[in-house]
Amino acid sequence: MEPNQQEQRLAANQDFLKSLNELEDILQENLPQEGVSPYEINQTDNKKQITAQTSVSEPDEIKIDLAAWEDAVADIEKYLESKEKGDE
């Protein structure tokens, strides 16, 4: 592998990890603050079923940084493209 390719892969890897961290931060910001577990275990017919608790928020309540998501997606796409080129 040429040194330039290795540098590109390292840069792409760093961009990818940065994007994942940004996504994690965004998801953490949007979790319920009440300390409620996102899953509820119900006992039905001696079988445990795990059902995700969902709540519908009003559009005003949803705080999503669209630009951050777009940047993260672009970084992930860039990473995947560079990985595909490296595999060829």
PDB file of N, CA and C in Angstrom:
ATOM      1  N   MET A   1       0.849  -1.171   0.000  1.00  0.00           N
ATOM      2  CA  MET A   1       0.000   0.000   0.000  1.00  0.00           C
ATOM      3  C   MET A   1       0.893   1.231   0.000  1.00  0.00           C
ATOM      4  N   GLU A   2       0.566   2.167  -0.846  1.00  0.00           N
ATOM      5  CA  GLU A   2       1.355   3.384  -0.942  1.00  0.00           C
ATOM      6  C   GLU A   2       1.099   4.269   0.274  1.00  0.00           C
ATOM      7  N   PRO A   3       2.108   5.067   0.661  1.00  0.00           N
ATOM      8  CA  PRO A   3       1.930   5.958   1.820  1.00  0.00           C
ATOM      9  C   PRO A   3       0.754   6.919   1.659  1.00  0.00           C
ATOM     10  N   ASN A   4       0.520   7.390   0.431  1.00  0.00           N
ATOM     11  CA  ASN A   4      -0.592   8.307   0.193  1.00  0.00           C
ATOM     12  C   ASN A   4      -1.935   7.626   0.459  1.00  0.00           C
ATOM     13  N   GLN A   5      -2.057   6.374   0.040  1.00  0.00           N
ATOM     14  CA  GLN A   5      -3.289   5.626   0.287  1.00  0.00           C
ATOM     15  C   GLN A   5      -3.511   5.439   1.784  1.00  0.00           C
ATOM     16  N   GLN A   6      -2.447   5.144   2.481  1.00  0.00           N
ATOM     17  CA  GLN A   6      -2.559   4.930   3.923  1.00  0.00           C
ATOM     18  C   GLN A   6      -2.988   6.230   4.615  1.00  0.00           C
ATOM     19  N   GLU A   7      -2.447   7.356   4.173  1.00  0.00           N
ATOM     20  CA  GLU A   7      -2.838   8.647   4.747  1.00  0.00           C
ATOM     21  C   GLU A   7      -4.306   8.937   4.454  1.00  0.00           C
ATOM     22  N   GLN A   8      -4.741   8.616   3.239  1.00  0.00           N
ATOM     23  CA  GLN A   8      -6.141   8.839   2.873  1.00  0.00           C
ATOM     24  C   GLN A   8      -7.066   7.962   3.713  1.00  0.00           C
ATOM     25  N   ARG A   9      -6.675   6.733   3.912  1.00  0.00           N
ATOM     26  CA  ARG A   9      -7.483   5.832   4.729  1.00  0.00           C
ATOM     27  C   ARG A   9      -7.549   6.307   6.176  1.00  0.00           C
ATOM     28  N   LEU A  10      -6.423   6.772   6.680  1.00  0.00           N
ATOM     29  CA  LEU A  10      -6.390   7.281   8.049  1.00  0.00           C
ATOM     30  C   LEU A  10      -7.295   8.504   8.178  1.00  0.00           C
ATOM     31  N   ALA A  11      -7.219   9.406   7.209  1.00  0.00           N
ATOM     32  CA  ALA A  11      -8.062  10.606   7.229  1.00  0.00           C
ATOM     33  C   ALA A  11      -9.541  10.227   7.125  1.00  0.00           C
ATOM     34  N   ALA A  12      -9.848   9.284   6.244  1.00  0.00           N
ATOM     35  CA  ALA A  12     -11.238   8.841   6.092  1.00  0.00           C
ATOM     36  C   ALA A  12     -11.731   8.177   7.373  1.00  0.00           C
ATOM     37  N   ASN A  13     -10.867   7.398   7.997  1.00  0.00           N
ATOM     38  CA  ASN A  13     -11.220   6.740   9.252  1.00  0.00           C
ATOM     39  C   ASN A  13     -11.502   7.775  10.336  1.00  0.00           C
ATOM     40  N   GLN A  14     -10.674   8.801  10.413  1.00  0.00           N
ATOM     41  CA  GLN A  14     -10.869   9.849  11.412  1.00  0.00           C
ATOM     42  C   GLN A  14     -12.168  10.608  11.152  1.00  0.00           C
ATOM     43  N   ASP A  15     -12.459  10.909   9.892  1.00  0.00           N
ATOM     44  CA  ASP A  15     -13.716  11.580   9.543  1.00  0.00           C
ATOM     45  C   ASP A  15     -14.920  10.719   9.925  1.00  0.00           C
ATOM     46  N   PHE A  16     -14.790   9.431   9.653  1.00  0.00           N
ATOM     47  CA  PHE A  16     -15.869   8.501   9.971  1.00  0.00           C
ATOM     48  C   PHE A  16     -16.119   8.449  11.474  1.00  0.00           C
ATOM     49  N   LEU A  17     -15.055   8.330  12.255  1.00  0.00           N
ATOM     50  CA  LEU A  17     -15.199   8.281  13.709  1.00  0.00           C
ATOM     51  C   LEU A  17     -15.770   9.586  14.258  1.00  0.00           C
ATOM     52  N   LYS A  18     -15.348  10.696  13.686  1.00  0.00           N
ATOM     53  CA  LYS A  18     -15.884  11.997  14.101  1.00  0.00           C
ATOM     54  C   LYS A  18     -17.387  12.044  13.829  1.00  0.00           C
ATOM     55  N   SER A  19     -17.793  11.556  12.667  1.00  0.00           N
ATOM     56  CA  SER A  19     -19.212  11.547  12.314  1.00  0.00           C
ATOM     57  C   SER A  19     -20.012  10.654  13.252  1.00  0.00           C
ATOM     58  N   LEU A  20     -19.453   9.504  13.586  1.00  0.00           N
ATOM     59  CA  LEU A  20     -20.141   8.617  14.519  1.00  0.00           C
ATOM     60  C   LEU A  20     -20.303   9.279  15.882  1.00  0.00           C
ATOM     61  N   ASN A  21     -19.274   9.970  16.330  1.00  0.00           N
ATOM     62  CA  ASN A  21     -19.364  10.676  17.609  1.00  0.00           C
ATOM     63  C   ASN A  21     -20.418  11.773  17.558  1.00  0.00           C
ATOM     64  N   GLU A  22     -20.500  12.485  16.433  1.00  0.00           N
ATOM     65  CA  GLU A  22     -21.520  13.525  16.278  1.00  0.00           C
ATOM     66  C   GLU A  22     -22.918  12.919  16.319  1.00  0.00           C
ATOM     67  N   LEU A  23     -23.093  11.787  15.642  1.00  0.00           N
ATOM     68  CA  LEU A  23     -24.389  11.120  15.660  1.00  0.00           C
ATOM     69  C   LEU A  23     -24.751  10.670  17.072  1.00  0.00           C
ATOM     70  N   GLU A  24     -23.781  10.129  17.780  1.00  0.00           N
ATOM     71  CA  GLU A  24     -24.022   9.693  19.155  1.00  0.00           C
ATOM     72  C   GLU A  24     -24.437  10.875  20.029  1.00  0.00           C
ATOM     73  N   ASP A  25     -23.758  12.001  19.870  1.00  0.00           N
ATOM     74  CA  ASP A  25     -24.108  13.201  20.639  1.00  0.00           C
ATOM     75  C   ASP A  25     -25.533  13.650  20.326  1.00  0.00           C
ATOM     76  N   ILE A  26     -25.893  13.630  19.054  1.00  0.00           N
ATOM     77  CA  ILE A  26     -27.238  14.039  18.653  1.00  0.00           C
ATOM     78  C   ILE A  26     -28.279  13.107  19.259  1.00  0.00           C
ATOM     79  N   LEU A  27     -28.004  11.811  19.203  1.00  0.00           N
ATOM     80  CA  LEU A  27     -28.947  10.851  19.768  1.00  0.00           C
ATOM     81  C   LEU A  27     -29.073  11.020  21.275  1.00  0.00           C
ATOM     82  N   GLN A  28     -27.958  11.256  21.954  1.00  0.00           N
ATOM     83  CA  GLN A  28     -27.992  11.458  23.403  1.00  0.00           C
ATOM     84  C   GLN A  28     -28.805  12.691  23.764  1.00  0.00           C
ATOM     85  N   GLU A  29     -28.713  13.739  22.965  1.00  0.00           N
ATOM     86  CA  GLU A  29     -29.464  14.966  23.226  1.00  0.00           C
ATOM     87  C   GLU A  29     -30.963  14.739  23.086  1.00  0.00           C
ATOM     88  N   ASN A  30     -31.354  13.799  22.234  1.00  0.00           N
ATOM     89  CA  ASN A  30     -32.770  13.580  21.956  1.00  0.00           C
ATOM     90  C   ASN A  30     -33.398  12.471  22.792  1.00  0.00           C
ATOM     91  N   LEU A  31     -32.626  11.847  23.693  1.00  0.00           N
ATOM     92  CA  LEU A  31     -33.188  10.825  24.571  1.00  0.00           C
ATOM     93  C   LEU A  31     -34.048  11.479  25.642  1.00  0.00           C
ATOM     94  N   PRO A  32     -35.042  10.756  26.144  1.00  0.00           N
ATOM     95  CA  PRO A  32     -35.853  11.308  27.230  1.00  0.00           C
ATOM     96  C   PRO A  32     -34.989  11.573  28.461  1.00  0.00           C
ATOM     97  N   GLN A  33     -35.239  12.681  29.127  1.00  0.00           N
ATOM     98  CA  GLN A  33     -34.429  13.077  30.275  1.00  0.00           C
ATOM     99  C   GLN A  33     -34.976  12.544  31.597  1.00  0.00           C
ATOM    100  N   GLU A  34     -36.069  11.799  31.581  1.00  0.00           N
ATOM    101  CA  GLU A  34     -36.713  11.350  32.799  1.00  0.00           C
ATOM    102  C   GLU A  34     -36.070  10.102  33.387  1.00  0.00           C
ATOM    103  N   GLY A  35     -35.058   9.551  32.747  1.00  0.00           N
ATOM    104  CA  GLY A  35     -34.414   8.347  33.244  1.00  0.00           C
ATOM    105  C   GLY A  35     -35.232   7.094  32.987  1.00  0.00           C
ATOM    106  N   VAL A  36     -36.171   7.178  32.085  1.00  0.00           N
ATOM    107  CA  VAL A  36     -37.014   6.043  31.761  1.00  0.00           C
ATOM    108  C   VAL A  36     -36.288   5.171  30.757  1.00  0.00           C
ATOM    109  N   SER A  37     -36.293   3.888  31.004  1.00  0.00           N
ATOM    110  CA  SER A  37     -35.674   2.951  30.077  1.00  0.00           C
ATOM    111  C   SER A  37     -36.466   2.923  28.781  1.00  0.00           C
ATOM    112  N   PRO A  38     -35.781   2.844  27.632  1.00  0.00           N
ATOM    113  CA  PRO A  38     -36.510   2.825  26.361  1.00  0.00           C
ATOM    114  C   PRO A  38     -37.241   1.519  26.103  1.00  0.00           C
ATOM    115  N   TYR A  39     -37.035   0.531  26.950  1.00  0.00           N
ATOM    116  CA  TYR A  39     -37.690  -0.756  26.751  1.00  0.00           C
ATOM    117  C   TYR A  39     -38.498  -1.137  27.984  1.00  0.00           C
ATOM    118  N   GLU A  40     -39.587  -1.774  27.735  1.00  0.00           N
ATOM    119  CA  GLU A  40     -40.452  -2.210  28.816  1.00  0.00           C
ATOM    120  C   GLU A  40     -40.677  -3.699  28.622  1.00  0.00           C
ATOM    121  N   ILE A  41     -40.499  -4.454  29.694  1.00  0.00           N
ATOM    122  CA  ILE A  41     -40.671  -5.902  29.595  1.00  0.00           C
ATOM    123  C   ILE A  41     -42.060  -6.260  30.112  1.00  0.00           C
ATOM    124  N   ASN A  42     -42.829  -6.918  29.290  1.00  0.00           N
ATOM    125  CA  ASN A  42     -44.181  -7.354  29.656  1.00  0.00           C
ATOM    126  C   ASN A  42     -44.202  -8.867  29.753  1.00  0.00           C
ATOM    127  N   GLN A  43     -44.929  -9.383  30.732  1.00  0.00           N
ATOM    128  CA  GLN A  43     -45.084 -10.825  30.874  1.00  0.00           C
ATOM    129  C   GLN A  43     -46.435 -11.200  30.282  1.00  0.00           C
ATOM    130  N   THR A  44     -46.443 -11.952  29.195  1.00  0.00           N
ATOM    131  CA  THR A  44     -47.679 -12.367  28.558  1.00  0.00           C
ATOM    132  C   THR A  44     -47.553 -13.828  28.167  1.00  0.00           C
ATOM    133  N   ASP A  45     -48.497 -14.640  28.641  1.00  0.00           N
ATOM    134  CA  ASP A  45     -48.508 -16.071  28.334  1.00  0.00           C
ATOM    135  C   ASP A  45     -47.156 -16.714  28.613  1.00  0.00           C
ATOM    136  N   ASN A  46     -46.548 -16.357  29.744  1.00  0.00           N
ATOM    137  CA  ASN A  46     -45.250 -16.888  30.168  1.00  0.00           C
ATOM    138  C   ASN A  46     -44.133 -16.623  29.171  1.00  0.00           C
ATOM    139  N   LYS A  47     -44.339 -15.679  28.297  1.00  0.00           N
ATOM    140  CA  LYS A  47     -43.294 -15.293  27.348  1.00  0.00           C
ATOM    141  C   LYS A  47     -42.966 -13.839  27.589  1.00  0.00           C
ATOM    142  N   LYS A  48     -41.708 -13.519  27.564  1.00  0.00           N
ATOM    143  CA  LYS A  48     -41.312 -12.125  27.721  1.00  0.00           C
ATOM    144  C   LYS A  48     -41.282 -11.468  26.349  1.00  0.00           C
ATOM    145  N   GLN A  49     -41.914 -10.343  26.289  1.00  0.00           N
ATOM    146  CA  GLN A  49     -41.885  -9.560  25.062  1.00  0.00           C
ATOM    147  C   GLN A  49     -41.272  -8.216  25.398  1.00  0.00           C
ATOM    148  N   ILE A  50     -40.365  -7.812  24.588  1.00  0.00           N
ATOM    149  CA  ILE A  50     -39.751  -6.505  24.779  1.00  0.00           C
ATOM    150  C   ILE A  50     -40.359  -5.566  23.751  1.00  0.00           C
ATOM    151  N   THR A  51     -40.981  -4.539  24.249  1.00  0.00           N
ATOM    152  CA  THR A  51     -41.585  -3.570  23.347  1.00  0.00           C
ATOM    153  C   THR A  51     -40.937  -2.223  23.563  1.00  0.00           C
ATOM    154  N   ALA A  52     -40.598  -1.586  22.488  1.00  0.00           N
ATOM    155  CA  ALA A  52     -39.984  -0.261  22.587  1.00  0.00           C
ATOM    156  C   ALA A  52     -41.064   0.750  22.932  1.00  0.00           C
ATOM    157  N   GLN A  53     -40.743   1.591  23.881  1.00  0.00           N
ATOM    158  CA  GLN A  53     -41.666   2.669  24.221  1.00  0.00           C
ATOM    159  C   GLN A  53     -41.470   3.772  23.200  1.00  0.00           C
ATOM    160  N   THR A  54     -42.558   4.188  22.641  1.00  0.00           N
ATOM    161  CA  THR A  54     -42.467   5.257  21.654  1.00  0.00           C
ATOM    162  C   THR A  54     -43.377   6.391  22.064  1.00  0.00           C
ATOM    163  N   SER A  55     -42.945   7.553  21.769  1.00  0.00           N
ATOM    164  CA  SER A  55     -43.788   8.714  22.018  1.00  0.00           C
ATOM    165  C   SER A  55     -43.706   9.609  20.794  1.00  0.00           C
ATOM    166  N   VAL A  56     -44.824  10.160  20.428  1.00  0.00           N
ATOM    167  CA  VAL A  56     -44.867  11.050  19.279  1.00  0.00           C
ATOM    168  C   VAL A  56     -44.693  12.467  19.791  1.00  0.00           C
ATOM    169  N   SER A  57     -43.676  13.121  19.294  1.00  0.00           N
ATOM    170  CA  SER A  57     -43.404  14.490  19.709  1.00  0.00           C
ATOM    171  C   SER A  57     -43.967  15.452  18.689  1.00  0.00           C
ATOM    172  N   GLU A  58     -44.345  16.590  19.174  1.00  0.00           N
ATOM    173  CA  GLU A  58     -44.778  17.653  18.284  1.00  0.00           C
ATOM    174  C   GLU A  58     -43.559  18.151  17.518  1.00  0.00           C
ATOM    175  N   PRO A  59     -43.718  18.617  16.295  1.00  0.00           N
ATOM    176  CA  PRO A  59     -42.578  19.111  15.514  1.00  0.00           C
ATOM    177  C   PRO A  59     -41.775  20.178  16.248  1.00  0.00           C
ATOM    178  N   ASP A  60     -42.440  20.986  17.080  1.00  0.00           N
ATOM    179  CA  ASP A  60     -41.729  22.026  17.818  1.00  0.00           C
ATOM    180  C   ASP A  60     -40.765  21.431  18.839  1.00  0.00           C
ATOM    181  N   GLU A  61     -41.089  20.226  19.335  1.00  0.00           N
ATOM    182  CA  GLU A  61     -40.290  19.613  20.385  1.00  0.00           C
ATOM    183  C   GLU A  61     -39.058  18.893  19.846  1.00  0.00           C
ATOM    184  N   ILE A  62     -39.062  18.584  18.579  1.00  0.00           N
ATOM    185  CA  ILE A  62     -37.953  17.843  17.996  1.00  0.00           C
ATOM    186  C   ILE A  62     -36.843  18.819  17.652  1.00  0.00           C
ATOM    187  N   LYS A  63     -35.685  18.586  18.268  1.00  0.00           N
ATOM    188  CA  LYS A  63     -34.541  19.465  18.021  1.00  0.00           C
ATOM    189  C   LYS A  63     -33.456  18.641  17.339  1.00  0.00           C
ATOM    190  N   ILE A  64     -33.459  18.660  16.039  1.00  0.00           N
ATOM    191  CA  ILE A  64     -32.482  17.904  15.270  1.00  0.00           C
ATOM    192  C   ILE A  64     -31.680  18.885  14.433  1.00  0.00           C
ATOM    193  N   ASP A  65     -30.378  18.759  14.533  1.00  0.00           N
ATOM    194  CA  ASP A  65     -29.501  19.611  13.740  1.00  0.00           C
ATOM    195  C   ASP A  65     -29.300  18.929  12.390  1.00  0.00           C
ATOM    196  N   LEU A  66     -30.094  19.333  11.416  1.00  0.00           N
ATOM    197  CA  LEU A  66     -30.067  18.707  10.099  1.00  0.00           C
ATOM    198  C   LEU A  66     -28.696  18.823   9.450  1.00  0.00           C
ATOM    199  N   ALA A  67     -28.043  19.949   9.614  1.00  0.00           N
ATOM    200  CA  ALA A  67     -26.719  20.138   9.012  1.00  0.00           C
ATOM    201  C   ALA A  67     -25.724  19.132   9.582  1.00  0.00           C
ATOM    202  N   ALA A  68     -25.803  18.857  10.874  1.00  0.00           N
ATOM    203  CA  ALA A  68     -24.896  17.881  11.488  1.00  0.00           C
ATOM    204  C   ALA A  68     -25.150  16.488  10.927  1.00  0.00           C
ATOM    205  N   TRP A  69     -26.422  16.132  10.752  1.00  0.00           N
ATOM    206  CA  TRP A  69     -26.749  14.838  10.165  1.00  0.00           C
ATOM    207  C   TRP A  69     -26.229  14.747   8.732  1.00  0.00           C
ATOM    208  N   GLU A  70     -26.419  15.805   7.959  1.00  0.00           N
ATOM    209  CA  GLU A  70     -25.951  15.802   6.572  1.00  0.00           C
ATOM    210  C   GLU A  70     -24.437  15.673   6.512  1.00  0.00           C
ATOM    211  N   ASP A  71     -23.727  16.373   7.395  1.00  0.00           N
ATOM    212  CA  ASP A  71     -22.267  16.264   7.440  1.00  0.00           C
ATOM    213  C   ASP A  71     -21.846  14.847   7.800  1.00  0.00           C
ATOM    214  N   ALA A  72     -22.531  14.266   8.771  1.00  0.00           N
ATOM    215  CA  ALA A  72     -22.195  12.909   9.193  1.00  0.00           C
ATOM    216  C   ALA A  72     -22.427  11.915   8.064  1.00  0.00           C
ATOM    217  N   VAL A  73     -23.543  12.045   7.379  1.00  0.00           N
ATOM    218  CA  VAL A  73     -23.842  11.146   6.260  1.00  0.00           C
ATOM    219  C   VAL A  73     -22.815  11.321   5.149  1.00  0.00           C
ATOM    220  N   ALA A  74     -22.446  12.556   4.860  1.00  0.00           N
ATOM    221  CA  ALA A  74     -21.446  12.814   3.817  1.00  0.00           C
ATOM    222  C   ALA A  74     -20.109  12.188   4.194  1.00  0.00           C
ATOM    223  N   ASP A  75     -19.721  12.300   5.464  1.00  0.00           N
ATOM    224  CA  ASP A  75     -18.469  11.691   5.915  1.00  0.00           C
ATOM    225  C   ASP A  75     -18.521  10.175   5.792  1.00  0.00           C
ATOM    226  N   ILE A  76     -19.650   9.587   6.143  1.00  0.00           N
ATOM    227  CA  ILE A  76     -19.791   8.132   6.049  1.00  0.00           C
ATOM    228  C   ILE A  76     -19.735   7.690   4.589  1.00  0.00           C
ATOM    229  N   GLU A  77     -20.425   8.411   3.710  1.00  0.00           N
ATOM    230  CA  GLU A  77     -20.379   8.075   2.283  1.00  0.00           C
ATOM    231  C   GLU A  77     -18.964   8.205   1.742  1.00  0.00           C
ATOM    232  N   LYS A  78     -18.266   9.249   2.142  1.00  0.00           N
ATOM    233  CA  LYS A  78     -16.883   9.462   1.707  1.00  0.00           C
ATOM    234  C   LYS A  78     -15.998   8.309   2.183  1.00  0.00           C
ATOM    235  N   TYR A  79     -16.205   7.898   3.423  1.00  0.00           N
ATOM    236  CA  TYR A  79     -15.433   6.789   3.985  1.00  0.00           C
ATOM    237  C   TYR A  79     -15.697   5.502   3.202  1.00  0.00           C
ATOM    238  N   LEU A  80     -16.968   5.209   2.939  1.00  0.00           N
ATOM    239  CA  LEU A  80     -17.307   3.987   2.221  1.00  0.00           C
ATOM    240  C   LEU A  80     -16.761   4.000   0.797  1.00  0.00           C
ATOM    241  N   GLU A  81     -16.820   5.148   0.134  1.00  0.00           N
ATOM    242  CA  GLU A  81     -16.267   5.255  -1.215  1.00  0.00           C
ATOM    243  C   GLU A  81     -14.763   5.021  -1.210  1.00  0.00           C
ATOM    244  N   SER A  82     -14.072   5.599  -0.242  1.00  0.00           N
ATOM    245  CA  SER A  82     -12.621   5.411  -0.185  1.00  0.00           C
ATOM    246  C   SER A  82     -12.282   3.964   0.140  1.00  0.00           C
ATOM    247  N   LYS A  83     -13.118   3.325   0.946  1.00  0.00           N
ATOM    248  CA  LYS A  83     -12.887   1.923   1.283  1.00  0.00           C
ATOM    249  C   LYS A  83     -13.092   1.044   0.053  1.00  0.00           C
ATOM    250  N   GLU A  84     -14.128   1.343  -0.744  1.00  0.00           N
ATOM    251  CA  GLU A  84     -14.381   0.584  -1.967  1.00  0.00           C
ATOM    252  C   GLU A  84     -13.236   0.752  -2.957  1.00  0.00           C
ATOM    253  N   LYS A  85     -12.710   1.959  -3.086  1.00  0.00           N
ATOM    254  CA  LYS A  85     -11.592   2.210  -3.996  1.00  0.00           C
ATOM    255  C   LYS A  85     -10.351   1.460  -3.540  1.00  0.00           C
ATOM    256  N   GLY A  86     -10.175   1.352  -2.242  1.00  0.00           N
ATOM    257  CA  GLY A  86      -9.015   0.656  -1.698  1.00  0.00           C
ATOM    258  C   GLY A  86      -9.089  -0.842  -1.895  1.00  0.00           C
ATOM    259  N   ASP A  87     -10.296  -1.385  -1.983  1.00  0.00           N
ATOM    260  CA  ASP A  87     -10.481  -2.820  -2.163  1.00  0.00           C
ATOM    261  C   ASP A  87     -10.271  -3.259  -3.601  1.00  0.00           C
ATOM    262  N   GLU A  88     -10.306  -2.315  -4.523  1.00  0.00           N
ATOM    263  CA  GLU A  88     -10.190  -2.665  -5.947  1.00  0.00           C
ATOM    264  C   GLU A  88      -8.791  -3.040  -6.325  1.00  0.00           C
TER     265      GLU A  88
END
